[in-house]
């Protein structure tokens, strides 16, 4: 069972829950892993819960960059073309955002979280 499968199981378990607590996500991850017979140590379980949380309510693979206090800006030009600014210097970040469709879905979700709309009518 891959992390992506766990993420999809957690999405299905949480359904249309509008607001999900970190504890709720942790329980759903644990339930999904157990249902698939996956045994996780505490470090692996924490990492998986963090990854699922970031994918559901955070900025997905960008969340680690956003949590870095030294990062002042994040620029995304494509799935594997991510840049960060630290101390006034731009550098490429080692982040894979998946496919162009994944990048678009993340951008739409982040815009919606900020109260904006991002679609073909309003790019």
PDB file of N, CA and C in Angstrom:
ATOM      1  N   UNK A   1       0.852  -1.180   0.000  1.00  0.00           N
ATOM      2  CA  UNK A   1       0.000   0.000   0.000  1.00  0.00           C
ATOM      3  C   UNK A   1       0.892   1.234   0.000  1.00  0.00           C
ATOM      4  N   UNK A   2       0.723   2.078  -0.979  1.00  0.00           N
ATOM      5  CA  UNK A   2       1.538   3.283  -1.080  1.00  0.00           C
ATOM      6  C   UNK A   2       0.925   4.417  -0.260  1.00  0.00           C
ATOM      7  N   UNK A   3       1.708   5.461  -0.075  1.00  0.00           N
ATOM      8  CA  UNK A   3       1.204   6.644   0.627  1.00  0.00           C
ATOM      9  C   UNK A   3       0.028   7.259  -0.128  1.00  0.00           C
ATOM     10  N   UNK A   4       0.076   7.195  -1.467  1.00  0.00           N
ATOM     11  CA  UNK A   4      -1.040   7.727  -2.268  1.00  0.00           C
ATOM     12  C   UNK A   4      -2.317   6.936  -2.009  1.00  0.00           C
ATOM     13  N   UNK A   5      -2.182   5.622  -1.827  1.00  0.00           N
ATOM     14  CA  UNK A   5      -3.357   4.798  -1.523  1.00  0.00           C
ATOM     15  C   UNK A   5      -3.907   5.142  -0.141  1.00  0.00           C
ATOM     16  N   UNK A   6      -3.015   5.371   0.812  1.00  0.00           N
ATOM     17  CA  UNK A   6      -3.457   5.784   2.147  1.00  0.00           C
ATOM     18  C   UNK A   6      -4.193   7.110   2.049  1.00  0.00           C
ATOM     19  N   UNK A   7      -3.646   8.051   1.287  1.00  0.00           N
ATOM     20  CA  UNK A   7      -4.284   9.356   1.114  1.00  0.00           C
ATOM     21  C   UNK A   7      -5.693   9.191   0.547  1.00  0.00           C
ATOM     22  N   UNK A   8      -5.848   8.366  -0.466  1.00  0.00           N
ATOM     23  CA  UNK A   8      -7.175   8.157  -1.057  1.00  0.00           C
ATOM     24  C   UNK A   8      -8.118   7.479  -0.068  1.00  0.00           C
ATOM     25  N   UNK A   9      -7.613   6.515   0.701  1.00  0.00           N
ATOM     26  CA  UNK A   9      -8.445   5.875   1.734  1.00  0.00           C
ATOM     27  C   UNK A   9      -8.887   6.894   2.785  1.00  0.00           C
ATOM     28  N   UNK A  10      -7.970   7.757   3.192  1.00  0.00           N
ATOM     29  CA  UNK A  10      -8.299   8.770   4.195  1.00  0.00           C
ATOM     30  C   UNK A  10      -9.338   9.740   3.635  1.00  0.00           C
ATOM     31  N   UNK A  11      -9.155  10.150   2.385  1.00  0.00           N
ATOM     32  CA  UNK A  11     -10.164  11.029   1.761  1.00  0.00           C
ATOM     33  C   UNK A  11     -11.539  10.361   1.789  1.00  0.00           C
ATOM     34  N   UNK A  12     -11.586   9.075   1.454  1.00  0.00           N
ATOM     35  CA  UNK A  12     -12.865   8.354   1.444  1.00  0.00           C
ATOM     36  C   UNK A  12     -13.435   8.249   2.860  1.00  0.00           C
ATOM     37  N   UNK A  13     -12.581   7.994   3.839  1.00  0.00           N
ATOM     38  CA  UNK A  13     -13.042   7.855   5.228  1.00  0.00           C
ATOM     39  C   UNK A  13     -13.571   9.186   5.780  1.00  0.00           C
ATOM     40  N   UNK A  14     -12.917  10.280   5.407  1.00  0.00           N
ATOM     41  CA  UNK A  14     -13.330  11.580   5.921  1.00  0.00           C
ATOM     42  C   UNK A  14     -14.506  12.153   5.142  1.00  0.00           C
ATOM     43  N   UNK A  15     -14.717  11.632   3.944  1.00  0.00           N
ATOM     44  CA  UNK A  15     -15.858  12.057   3.135  1.00  0.00           C
ATOM     45  C   UNK A  15     -15.885  13.553   2.937  1.00  0.00           C
ATOM     46  N   UNK A  16     -17.045  14.120   3.109  1.00  0.00           N
ATOM     47  CA  UNK A  16     -17.219  15.549   2.886  1.00  0.00           C
ATOM     48  C   UNK A  16     -17.038  16.375   4.134  1.00  0.00           C
ATOM     49  N   UNK A  17     -16.311  15.857   5.102  1.00  0.00           N
ATOM     50  CA  UNK A  17     -16.108  16.616   6.338  1.00  0.00           C
ATOM     51  C   UNK A  17     -15.508  17.977   6.007  1.00  0.00           C
ATOM     52  N   UNK A  18     -16.210  19.027   6.351  1.00  0.00           N
ATOM     53  CA  UNK A  18     -15.757  20.373   6.033  1.00  0.00           C
ATOM     54  C   UNK A  18     -14.498  20.757   6.777  1.00  0.00           C
ATOM     55  N   UNK A  19     -14.445  20.450   8.052  1.00  0.00           N
ATOM     56  CA  UNK A  19     -13.300  20.791   8.877  1.00  0.00           C
ATOM     57  C   UNK A  19     -12.790  19.518   9.519  1.00  0.00           C
ATOM     58  N   UNK A  20     -11.521  19.254   9.357  1.00  0.00           N
ATOM     59  CA  UNK A  20     -10.942  18.033   9.889  1.00  0.00           C
ATOM     60  C   UNK A  20      -9.815  18.402  10.837  1.00  0.00           C
ATOM     61  N   UNK A  21      -9.862  17.846  12.025  1.00  0.00           N
ATOM     62  CA  UNK A  21      -8.821  18.122  13.006  1.00  0.00           C
ATOM     63  C   UNK A  21      -7.594  17.251  12.728  1.00  0.00           C
ATOM     64  N   UNK A  22      -6.437  17.683  13.201  1.00  0.00           N
ATOM     65  CA  UNK A  22      -5.249  16.835  13.064  1.00  0.00           C
ATOM     66  C   UNK A  22      -5.446  15.462  13.704  1.00  0.00           C
ATOM     67  N   UNK A  23      -6.157  15.411  14.839  1.00  0.00           N
ATOM     68  CA  UNK A  23      -6.426  14.116  15.476  1.00  0.00           C
ATOM     69  C   UNK A  23      -7.319  13.253  14.598  1.00  0.00           C
ATOM     70  N   UNK A  24      -8.297  13.878  13.934  1.00  0.00           N
ATOM     71  CA  UNK A  24      -9.177  13.145  13.031  1.00  0.00           C
ATOM     72  C   UNK A  24      -8.410  12.570  11.862  1.00  0.00           C
ATOM     73  N   UNK A  25      -7.473  13.321  11.334  1.00  0.00           N
ATOM     74  CA  UNK A  25      -6.641  12.825  10.241  1.00  0.00           C
ATOM     75  C   UNK A  25      -5.766  11.682  10.730  1.00  0.00           C
ATOM     76  N   UNK A  26      -5.176  11.832  11.909  1.00  0.00           N
ATOM     77  CA  UNK A  26      -4.327  10.777  12.461  1.00  0.00           C
ATOM     78  C   UNK A  26      -5.116   9.485  12.646  1.00  0.00           C
ATOM     79  N   UNK A  27      -6.352   9.591  13.159  1.00  0.00           N
ATOM     80  CA  UNK A  27      -7.182   8.383  13.333  1.00  0.00           C
ATOM     81  C   UNK A  27      -7.518   7.752  11.983  1.00  0.00           C
ATOM     82  N   UNK A  28      -7.835   8.587  11.003  1.00  0.00           N
ATOM     83  CA  UNK A  28      -8.185   8.071   9.677  1.00  0.00           C
ATOM     84  C   UNK A  28      -6.985   7.391   9.020  1.00  0.00           C
ATOM     85  N   UNK A  29      -5.788   7.954   9.183  1.00  0.00           N
ATOM     86  CA  UNK A  29      -4.572   7.330   8.642  1.00  0.00           C
ATOM     87  C   UNK A  29      -4.338   5.992   9.324  1.00  0.00           C
ATOM     88  N   UNK A  30      -4.462   5.968  10.642  1.00  0.00           N
ATOM     89  CA  UNK A  30      -4.274   4.719  11.389  1.00  0.00           C
ATOM     90  C   UNK A  30      -5.290   3.665  10.942  1.00  0.00           C
ATOM     91  N   UNK A  31      -6.549   4.054  10.812  1.00  0.00           N
ATOM     92  CA  UNK A  31      -7.592   3.127  10.368  1.00  0.00           C
ATOM     93  C   UNK A  31      -7.318   2.605   8.960  1.00  0.00           C
ATOM     94  N   UNK A  32      -6.903   3.498   8.061  1.00  0.00           N
ATOM     95  CA  UNK A  32      -6.622   3.099   6.679  1.00  0.00           C
ATOM     96  C   UNK A  32      -5.449   2.128   6.625  1.00  0.00           C
ATOM     97  N   UNK A  33      -4.401   2.406   7.395  1.00  0.00           N
ATOM     98  CA  UNK A  33      -3.236   1.522   7.415  1.00  0.00           C
ATOM     99  C   UNK A  33      -3.597   0.156   7.988  1.00  0.00           C
ATOM    100  N   UNK A  34      -4.344   0.144   9.090  1.00  0.00           N
ATOM    101  CA  UNK A  34      -4.749  -1.126   9.698  1.00  0.00           C
ATOM    102  C   UNK A  34      -5.642  -1.943   8.776  1.00  0.00           C
ATOM    103  N   UNK A  35      -6.555  -1.267   8.085  1.00  0.00           N
ATOM    104  CA  UNK A  35      -7.468  -1.972   7.180  1.00  0.00           C
ATOM    105  C   UNK A  35      -6.707  -2.658   6.049  1.00  0.00           C
ATOM    106  N   UNK A  36      -5.564  -2.126   5.694  1.00  0.00           N
ATOM    107  CA  UNK A  36      -4.742  -2.706   4.629  1.00  0.00           C
ATOM    108  C   UNK A  36      -3.655  -3.624   5.179  1.00  0.00           C
ATOM    109  N   UNK A  37      -3.636  -3.813   6.497  1.00  0.00           N
ATOM    110  CA  UNK A  37      -2.635  -4.682   7.100  1.00  0.00           C
ATOM    111  C   UNK A  37      -1.248  -4.074   7.139  1.00  0.00           C
ATOM    112  N   UNK A  38      -1.170  -2.767   7.046  1.00  0.00           N
ATOM    113  CA  UNK A  38       0.120  -2.076   7.066  1.00  0.00           C
ATOM    114  C   UNK A  38       0.483  -1.740   8.497  1.00  0.00           C
ATOM    115  N   UNK A  39       1.664  -2.162   8.911  1.00  0.00           N
ATOM    116  CA  UNK A  39       2.149  -1.887  10.254  1.00  0.00           C
ATOM    117  C   UNK A  39       3.189  -0.775  10.160  1.00  0.00           C
ATOM    118  N   UNK A  40       2.981   0.276  10.964  1.00  0.00           N
ATOM    119  CA  UNK A  40       3.880   1.424  10.932  1.00  0.00           C
ATOM    120  C   UNK A  40       4.485   1.653  12.301  1.00  0.00           C
ATOM    121  N   UNK A  41       5.777   1.962  12.329  1.00  0.00           N
ATOM    122  CA  UNK A  41       6.407   2.403  13.557  1.00  0.00           C
ATOM    123  C   UNK A  41       5.978   3.829  13.843  1.00  0.00           C
ATOM    124  N   UNK A  42       6.305   4.318  15.019  1.00  0.00           N
ATOM    125  CA  UNK A  42       5.838   5.655  15.397  1.00  0.00           C
ATOM    126  C   UNK A  42       6.402   6.747  14.486  1.00  0.00           C
ATOM    127  N   UNK A  43       7.660   6.643  14.079  1.00  0.00           N
ATOM    128  CA  UNK A  43       8.240   7.658  13.201  1.00  0.00           C
ATOM    129  C   UNK A  43       7.593   7.618  11.818  1.00  0.00           C
ATOM    130  N   UNK A  44       7.400   6.423  11.280  1.00  0.00           N
ATOM    131  CA  UNK A  44       6.770   6.286   9.960  1.00  0.00           C
ATOM    132  C   UNK A  44       5.314   6.736  10.013  1.00  0.00           C
ATOM    133  N   UNK A  45       4.622   6.421  11.106  1.00  0.00           N
ATOM    134  CA  UNK A  45       3.225   6.843  11.244  1.00  0.00           C
ATOM    135  C   UNK A  45       3.134   8.361  11.320  1.00  0.00           C
ATOM    136  N   UNK A  46       4.023   8.986  12.081  1.00  0.00           N
ATOM    137  CA  UNK A  46       4.023  10.456  12.183  1.00  0.00           C
ATOM    138  C   UNK A  46       4.303  11.102  10.838  1.00  0.00           C
ATOM    139  N   UNK A  47       5.264  10.557  10.096  1.00  0.00           N
ATOM    140  CA  UNK A  47       5.596  11.102   8.780  1.00  0.00           C
ATOM    141  C   UNK A  47       4.417  10.948   7.821  1.00  0.00           C
ATOM    142  N   UNK A  48       3.740   9.808   7.880  1.00  0.00           N
ATOM    143  CA  UNK A  48       2.598   9.578   7.001  1.00  0.00           C
ATOM    144  C   UNK A  48       1.432  10.490   7.367  1.00  0.00           C
ATOM    145  N   UNK A  49       1.174  10.670   8.651  1.00  0.00           N
ATOM    146  CA  UNK A  49       0.112  11.582   9.085  1.00  0.00           C
ATOM    147  C   UNK A  49       0.429  13.000   8.610  1.00  0.00           C
ATOM    148  N   UNK A  50       1.675  13.422   8.739  1.00  0.00           N
ATOM    149  CA  UNK A  50       2.079  14.765   8.301  1.00  0.00           C
ATOM    150  C   UNK A  50       1.870  14.921   6.793  1.00  0.00           C
ATOM    151  N   UNK A  51       2.282  13.902   6.033  1.00  0.00           N
ATOM    152  CA  UNK A  51       2.138  13.938   4.582  1.00  0.00           C
ATOM    153  C   UNK A  51       0.669  14.022   4.165  1.00  0.00           C
ATOM    154  N   UNK A  52      -0.177  13.219   4.808  1.00  0.00           N
ATOM    155  CA  UNK A  52      -1.607  13.239   4.494  1.00  0.00           C
ATOM    156  C   UNK A  52      -2.220  14.572   4.907  1.00  0.00           C
ATOM    157  N   UNK A  53      -1.864  15.072   6.083  1.00  0.00           N
ATOM    158  CA  UNK A  53      -2.363  16.370   6.549  1.00  0.00           C
ATOM    159  C   UNK A  53      -1.991  17.467   5.551  1.00  0.00           C
ATOM    160  N   UNK A  54      -0.722  17.484   5.130  1.00  0.00           N
ATOM    161  CA  UNK A  54      -0.261  18.501   4.180  1.00  0.00           C
ATOM    162  C   UNK A  54      -1.025  18.405   2.868  1.00  0.00           C
ATOM    163  N   UNK A  55      -1.311  17.187   2.424  1.00  0.00           N
ATOM    164  CA  UNK A  55      -2.027  17.003   1.161  1.00  0.00           C
ATOM    165  C   UNK A  55      -3.488  17.426   1.265  1.00  0.00           C
ATOM    166  N   UNK A  56      -4.089  17.234   2.433  1.00  0.00           N
ATOM    167  CA  UNK A  56      -5.509  17.542   2.595  1.00  0.00           C
ATOM    168  C   UNK A  56      -5.773  19.000   2.950  1.00  0.00           C
ATOM    169  N   UNK A  57      -5.006  19.550   3.858  1.00  0.00           N
ATOM    170  CA  UNK A  57      -5.300  20.907   4.339  1.00  0.00           C
ATOM    171  C   UNK A  57      -4.120  21.868   4.256  1.00  0.00           C
ATOM    172  N   UNK A  58      -2.971  21.356   3.893  1.00  0.00           N
ATOM    173  CA  UNK A  58      -1.797  22.210   3.769  1.00  0.00           C
ATOM    174  C   UNK A  58      -1.489  22.487   2.312  1.00  0.00           C
ATOM    175  N   UNK A  59      -0.241  22.723   2.032  1.00  0.00           N
ATOM    176  CA  UNK A  59       0.198  23.035   0.675  1.00  0.00           C
ATOM    177  C   UNK A  59       0.858  21.839   0.007  1.00  0.00           C
ATOM    178  N   UNK A  60       0.485  20.643   0.447  1.00  0.00           N
ATOM    179  CA  UNK A  60       1.023  19.435  -0.173  1.00  0.00           C
ATOM    180  C   UNK A  60       2.532  19.395  -0.077  1.00  0.00           C
ATOM    181  N   UNK A  61       3.204  19.031  -1.166  1.00  0.00           N
ATOM    182  CA  UNK A  61       4.665  18.914  -1.148  1.00  0.00           C
ATOM    183  C   UNK A  61       5.385  20.244  -0.895  1.00  0.00           C
ATOM    184  N   UNK A  62       4.675  21.349  -1.018  1.00  0.00           N
ATOM    185  CA  UNK A  62       5.293  22.654  -0.756  1.00  0.00           C
ATOM    186  C   UNK A  62       5.297  23.013   0.728  1.00  0.00           C
ATOM    187  N   UNK A  63       4.547  22.284   1.539  1.00  0.00           N
ATOM    188  CA  UNK A  63       4.374  22.660   2.936  1.00  0.00           C
ATOM    189  C   UNK A  63       5.696  22.744   3.692  1.00  0.00           C
ATOM    190  N   UNK A  64       6.600  21.817   3.435  1.00  0.00           N
ATOM    191  CA  UNK A  64       7.901  21.851   4.109  1.00  0.00           C
ATOM    192  C   UNK A  64       8.665  23.133   3.815  1.00  0.00           C
ATOM    193  N   UNK A  65       8.555  23.608   2.590  1.00  0.00           N
ATOM    194  CA  UNK A  65       9.222  24.866   2.230  1.00  0.00           C
ATOM    195  C   UNK A  65       8.565  26.039   2.938  1.00  0.00           C
ATOM    196  N   UNK A  66       7.244  26.017   3.004  1.00  0.00           N
ATOM    197  CA  UNK A  66       6.524  27.113   3.659  1.00  0.00           C
ATOM    198  C   UNK A  66       6.770  27.138   5.163  1.00  0.00           C
ATOM    199  N   UNK A  67       7.043  25.975   5.737  1.00  0.00           N
ATOM    200  CA  UNK A  67       7.322  25.899   7.170  1.00  0.00           C
ATOM    201  C   UNK A  67       8.743  26.327   7.519  1.00  0.00           C
ATOM    202  N   UNK A  68       9.609  26.398   6.532  1.00  0.00           N
ATOM    203  CA  UNK A  68      11.005  26.791   6.743  1.00  0.00           C
ATOM    204  C   UNK A  68      11.061  28.299   6.963  1.00  0.00           C
ATOM    205  N   UNK A  69      11.439  28.730   8.162  1.00  0.00           N
ATOM    206  CA  UNK A  69      11.454  30.154   8.504  1.00  0.00           C
ATOM    207  C   UNK A  69      12.432  30.955   7.643  1.00  0.00           C
ATOM    208  N   UNK A  70      13.424  30.288   7.063  1.00  0.00           N
ATOM    209  CA  UNK A  70      14.402  30.987   6.234  1.00  0.00           C
ATOM    210  C   UNK A  70      13.867  31.281   4.836  1.00  0.00           C
ATOM    211  N   UNK A  71      12.816  30.602   4.433  1.00  0.00           N
ATOM    212  CA  UNK A  71      12.242  30.790   3.098  1.00  0.00           C
ATOM    213  C   UNK A  71      11.304  31.986   3.121  1.00  0.00           C
ATOM    214  N   UNK A  72      11.572  32.947   2.226  1.00  0.00           N
ATOM    215  CA  UNK A  72      10.725  34.139   2.163  1.00  0.00           C
ATOM    216  C   UNK A  72       9.801  34.135   0.955  1.00  0.00           C
ATOM    217  N   UNK A  73      10.059  33.261  -0.020  1.00  0.00           N
ATOM    218  CA  UNK A  73       9.197  33.185  -1.199  1.00  0.00           C
ATOM    219  C   UNK A  73       9.340  31.810  -1.834  1.00  0.00           C
ATOM    220  N   UNK A  74       8.245  31.334  -2.411  1.00  0.00           N
ATOM    221  CA  UNK A  74       8.230  30.067  -3.140  1.00  0.00           C
ATOM    222  C   UNK A  74       7.617  30.345  -4.502  1.00  0.00           C
ATOM    223  N   UNK A  75       8.315  29.935  -5.552  1.00  0.00           N
ATOM    224  CA  UNK A  75       7.828  30.125  -6.916  1.00  0.00           C
ATOM    225  C   UNK A  75       7.702  28.760  -7.576  1.00  0.00           C
ATOM    226  N   UNK A  76       6.573  28.527  -8.225  1.00  0.00           N
ATOM    227  CA  UNK A  76       6.342  27.262  -8.920  1.00  0.00           C
ATOM    228  C   UNK A  76       6.153  27.568 -10.399  1.00  0.00           C
ATOM    229  N   UNK A  77       7.043  27.020 -11.213  1.00  0.00           N
ATOM    230  CA  UNK A  77       6.951  27.180 -12.655  1.00  0.00           C
ATOM    231  C   UNK A  77       6.475  25.908 -13.341  1.00  0.00           C
ATOM    232  N   UNK A  78       6.491  24.812 -12.615  1.00  0.00           N
ATOM    233  CA  UNK A  78       6.085  23.529 -13.170  1.00  0.00           C
ATOM    234  C   UNK A  78       6.271  22.446 -12.130  1.00  0.00           C
ATOM    235  N   UNK A  79       5.899  21.212 -12.458  1.00  0.00           N
ATOM    236  CA  UNK A  79       5.943  20.126 -11.475  1.00  0.00           C
ATOM    237  C   UNK A  79       7.305  19.893 -10.832  1.00  0.00           C
ATOM    238  N   UNK A  80       8.383  20.074 -11.579  1.00  0.00           N
ATOM    239  CA  UNK A  80       9.721  19.880 -11.035  1.00  0.00           C
ATOM    240  C   UNK A  80      10.574  21.138 -11.196  1.00  0.00           C
ATOM    241  N   UNK A  81       9.904  22.267 -11.259  1.00  0.00           N
ATOM    242  CA  UNK A  81      10.584  23.554 -11.418  1.00  0.00           C
ATOM    243  C   UNK A  81      10.107  24.502 -10.313  1.00  0.00           C
ATOM    244  N   UNK A  82      10.600  24.229  -9.094  1.00  0.00           N
ATOM    245  CA  UNK A  82      10.207  24.979  -7.901  1.00  0.00           C
ATOM    246  C   UNK A  82      11.436  25.700  -7.367  1.00  0.00           C
ATOM    247  N   UNK A  83      11.241  26.965  -7.043  1.00  0.00           N
ATOM    248  CA  UNK A  83      12.335  27.809  -6.550  1.00  0.00           C
ATOM    249  C   UNK A  83      11.949  28.414  -5.206  1.00  0.00           C
ATOM    250  N   UNK A  84      12.952  28.647  -4.363  1.00  0.00           N
ATOM    251  CA  UNK A  84      12.723  29.314  -3.086  1.00  0.00           C
ATOM    252  C   UNK A  84      13.705  30.467  -2.949  1.00  0.00           C
ATOM    253  N   UNK A  85      13.282  31.467  -2.182  1.00  0.00           N
ATOM    254  CA  UNK A  85      14.166  32.583  -1.863  1.00  0.00           C
ATOM    255  C   UNK A  85      14.524  32.484  -0.394  1.00  0.00           C
ATOM    256  N   UNK A  86      15.813  32.496  -0.139  1.00  0.00           N
ATOM    257  CA  UNK A  86      16.345  32.515   1.220  1.00  0.00           C
ATOM    258  C   UNK A  86      17.415  33.598   1.260  1.00  0.00           C
ATOM    259  N   UNK A  87      17.305  34.493   2.223  1.00  0.00           N
ATOM    260  CA  UNK A  87      18.293  35.569   2.393  1.00  0.00           C
ATOM    261  C   UNK A  87      18.525  36.327   1.086  1.00  0.00           C
ATOM    262  N   UNK A  88      17.448  36.557   0.328  1.00  0.00           N
ATOM    263  CA  UNK A  88      17.549  37.326  -0.900  1.00  0.00           C
ATOM    264  C   UNK A  88      18.121  36.569  -2.086  1.00  0.00           C
ATOM    265  N   UNK A  89      18.366  35.274  -1.929  1.00  0.00           N
ATOM    266  CA  UNK A  89      18.933  34.476  -3.021  1.00  0.00           C
ATOM    267  C   UNK A  89      17.950  33.396  -3.443  1.00  0.00           C
ATOM    268  N   UNK A  90      17.776  33.284  -4.757  1.00  0.00           N
ATOM    269  CA  UNK A  90      16.902  32.257  -5.311  1.00  0.00           C
ATOM    270  C   UNK A  90      17.697  30.971  -5.519  1.00  0.00           C
ATOM    271  N   UNK A  91      17.069  29.848  -5.183  1.00  0.00           N
ATOM    272  CA  UNK A  91      17.688  28.549  -5.448  1.00  0.00           C
ATOM    273  C   UNK A  91      16.591  27.543  -5.784  1.00  0.00           C
ATOM    274  N   UNK A  92      16.972  26.575  -6.591  1.00  0.00           N
ATOM    275  CA  UNK A  92      16.015  25.536  -6.979  1.00  0.00           C
ATOM    276  C   UNK A  92      15.771  24.621  -5.786  1.00  0.00           C
ATOM    277  N   UNK A  93      14.503  24.259  -5.590  1.00  0.00           N
ATOM    278  CA  UNK A  93      14.135  23.351  -4.506  1.00  0.00           C
ATOM    279  C   UNK A  93      13.950  21.954  -5.076  1.00  0.00           C
ATOM    280  N   UNK A  94      14.356  20.970  -4.317  1.00  0.00           N
ATOM    281  CA  UNK A  94      14.219  19.580  -4.742  1.00  0.00           C
ATOM    282  C   UNK A  94      12.826  19.084  -4.354  1.00  0.00           C
ATOM    283  N   UNK A  95      11.834  19.481  -5.146  1.00  0.00           N
ATOM    284  CA  UNK A  95      10.437  19.131  -4.881  1.00  0.00           C
ATOM    285  C   UNK A  95       9.812  18.648  -6.175  1.00  0.00           C
ATOM    286  N   UNK A  96       9.090  17.544  -6.084  1.00  0.00           N
ATOM    287  CA  UNK A  96       8.361  17.016  -7.240  1.00  0.00           C
ATOM    288  C   UNK A  96       6.875  17.150  -6.942  1.00  0.00           C
ATOM    289  N   UNK A  97       6.193  17.971  -7.719  1.00  0.00           N
ATOM    290  CA  UNK A  97       4.770  18.218  -7.499  1.00  0.00           C
ATOM    291  C   UNK A  97       3.883  17.278  -8.314  1.00  0.00           C
ATOM    292  N   UNK A  98       4.474  16.305  -8.982  1.00  0.00           N
ATOM    293  CA  UNK A  98       3.680  15.337  -9.738  1.00  0.00           C
ATOM    294  C   UNK A  98       3.537  15.753 -11.189  1.00  0.00           C
ATOM    295  N   UNK A  99       2.301  15.842 -11.633  1.00  0.00           N
ATOM    296  CA  UNK A  99       1.991  16.170 -13.018  1.00  0.00           C
ATOM    297  C   UNK A  99       1.535  17.629 -13.118  1.00  0.00           C
ATOM    298  N   UNK A 100       1.470  18.161 -14.342  1.00  0.00           N
ATOM    299  CA  UNK A 100       0.901  19.509 -14.488  1.00  0.00           C
ATOM    300  C   UNK A 100      -0.520  19.596 -13.918  1.00  0.00           C
ATOM    301  N   UNK A 101      -1.297  18.530 -14.037  1.00  0.00           N
ATOM    302  CA  UNK A 101      -2.656  18.524 -13.465  1.00  0.00           C
ATOM    303  C   UNK A 101      -2.599  18.606 -11.943  1.00  0.00           C
ATOM    304  N   UNK A 102      -1.608  17.951 -11.330  1.00  0.00           N
ATOM    305  CA  UNK A 102      -1.446  18.025  -9.874  1.00  0.00           C
ATOM    306  C   UNK A 102      -1.089  19.450  -9.445  1.00  0.00           C
ATOM    307  N   UNK A 103      -0.226  20.113 -10.228  1.00  0.00           N
ATOM    308  CA  UNK A 103       0.156  21.498  -9.919  1.00  0.00           C
ATOM    309  C   UNK A 103      -1.072  22.396 -10.002  1.00  0.00           C
ATOM    310  N   UNK A 104      -1.864  22.211 -11.035  1.00  0.00           N
ATOM    311  CA  UNK A 104      -3.080  23.023 -11.201  1.00  0.00           C
ATOM    312  C   UNK A 104      -4.057  22.782 -10.051  1.00  0.00           C
ATOM    313  N   UNK A 105      -4.251  21.515  -9.669  1.00  0.00           N
ATOM    314  CA  UNK A 105      -5.169  21.199  -8.568  1.00  0.00           C
ATOM    315  C   UNK A 105      -4.692  21.837  -7.267  1.00  0.00           C
ATOM    316  N   UNK A 106      -3.386  21.804  -7.027  1.00  0.00           N
ATOM    317  CA  UNK A 106      -2.835  22.437  -5.823  1.00  0.00           C
ATOM    318  C   UNK A 106      -3.049  23.948  -5.876  1.00  0.00           C
ATOM    319  N   UNK A 107      -2.810  24.552  -7.028  1.00  0.00           N
ATOM    320  CA  UNK A 107      -2.998  26.003  -7.169  1.00  0.00           C
ATOM    321  C   UNK A 107      -4.461  26.389  -6.946  1.00  0.00           C
ATOM    322  N   UNK A 108      -5.373  25.597  -7.486  1.00  0.00           N
ATOM    323  CA  UNK A 108      -6.807  25.870  -7.305  1.00  0.00           C
ATOM    324  C   UNK A 108      -7.180  25.776  -5.830  1.00  0.00           C
ATOM    325  N   UNK A 109      -6.671  24.729  -5.144  1.00  0.00           N
ATOM    326  CA  UNK A 109      -6.983  24.547  -3.725  1.00  0.00           C
ATOM    327  C   UNK A 109      -6.397  25.658  -2.879  1.00  0.00           C
ATOM    328  N   UNK A 110      -5.164  26.057  -3.166  1.00  0.00           N
ATOM    329  CA  UNK A 110      -4.538  27.134  -2.392  1.00  0.00           C
ATOM    330  C   UNK A 110      -5.232  28.469  -2.632  1.00  0.00           C
ATOM    331  N   UNK A 111      -5.627  28.719  -3.872  1.00  0.00           N
ATOM    332  CA  UNK A 111      -6.362  29.956  -4.166  1.00  0.00           C
ATOM    333  C   UNK A 111      -7.685  29.963  -3.412  1.00  0.00           C
ATOM    334  N   UNK A 112      -8.390  28.840  -3.422  1.00  0.00           N
ATOM    335  CA  UNK A 112      -9.674  28.756  -2.715  1.00  0.00           C
ATOM    336  C   UNK A 112      -9.484  28.959  -1.219  1.00  0.00           C
ATOM    337  N   UNK A 113      -8.413  28.409  -0.666  1.00  0.00           N
ATOM    338  CA  UNK A 113      -8.139  28.596   0.766  1.00  0.00           C
ATOM    339  C   UNK A 113      -7.901  30.056   1.098  1.00  0.00           C
ATOM    340  N   UNK A 114      -7.394  30.805   0.124  1.00  0.00           N
ATOM    341  CA  UNK A 114      -7.159  32.243   0.307  1.00  0.00           C
ATOM    342  C   UNK A 114      -8.349  33.100  -0.092  1.00  0.00           C
ATOM    343  N   UNK A 115      -9.470  32.432  -0.417  1.00  0.00           N
ATOM    344  CA  UNK A 115     -10.678  33.167  -0.770  1.00  0.00           C
ATOM    345  C   UNK A 115     -10.743  33.644  -2.203  1.00  0.00           C
ATOM    346  N   UNK A 116      -9.852  33.110  -3.039  1.00  0.00           N
ATOM    347  CA  UNK A 116      -9.846  33.508  -4.449  1.00  0.00           C
ATOM    348  C   UNK A 116     -10.315  32.341  -5.317  1.00  0.00           C
ATOM    349  N   UNK A 117     -10.552  32.653  -6.572  1.00  0.00           N
ATOM    350  CA  UNK A 117     -11.002  31.646  -7.520  1.00  0.00           C
ATOM    351  C   UNK A 117      -9.947  31.529  -8.618  1.00  0.00           C
ATOM    352  N   UNK A 118      -9.653  30.306  -8.993  1.00  0.00           N
ATOM    353  CA  UNK A 118      -8.682  30.065 -10.056  1.00  0.00           C
ATOM    354  C   UNK A 118      -9.274  29.028 -10.988  1.00  0.00           C
ATOM    355  N   UNK A 119      -9.613  29.446 -12.192  1.00  0.00           N
ATOM    356  CA  UNK A 119     -10.139  28.520 -13.192  1.00  0.00           C
ATOM    357  C   UNK A 119      -9.888  29.110 -14.569  1.00  0.00           C
ATOM    358  N   UNK A 120     -10.414  28.454 -15.611  1.00  0.00           N
ATOM    359  CA  UNK A 120     -10.157  28.930 -16.967  1.00  0.00           C
ATOM    360  C   UNK A 120     -10.679  30.338 -17.200  1.00  0.00           C
ATOM    361  N   UNK A 121     -11.769  30.698 -16.524  1.00  0.00           N
ATOM    362  CA  UNK A 121     -12.339  32.041 -16.679  1.00  0.00           C
ATOM    363  C   UNK A 121     -11.533  33.100 -15.929  1.00  0.00           C
ATOM    364  N   UNK A 122     -10.830  32.653 -14.889  1.00  0.00           N
ATOM    365  CA  UNK A 122     -10.050  33.589 -14.073  1.00  0.00           C
ATOM    366  C   UNK A 122      -8.702  32.950 -13.743  1.00  0.00           C
ATOM    367  N   UNK A 123      -7.793  32.931 -14.754  1.00  0.00           N
ATOM    368  CA  UNK A 123      -6.492  32.261 -14.529  1.00  0.00           C
ATOM    369  C   UNK A 123      -5.587  33.042 -13.582  1.00  0.00           C
TER     370      UNK A 123
END
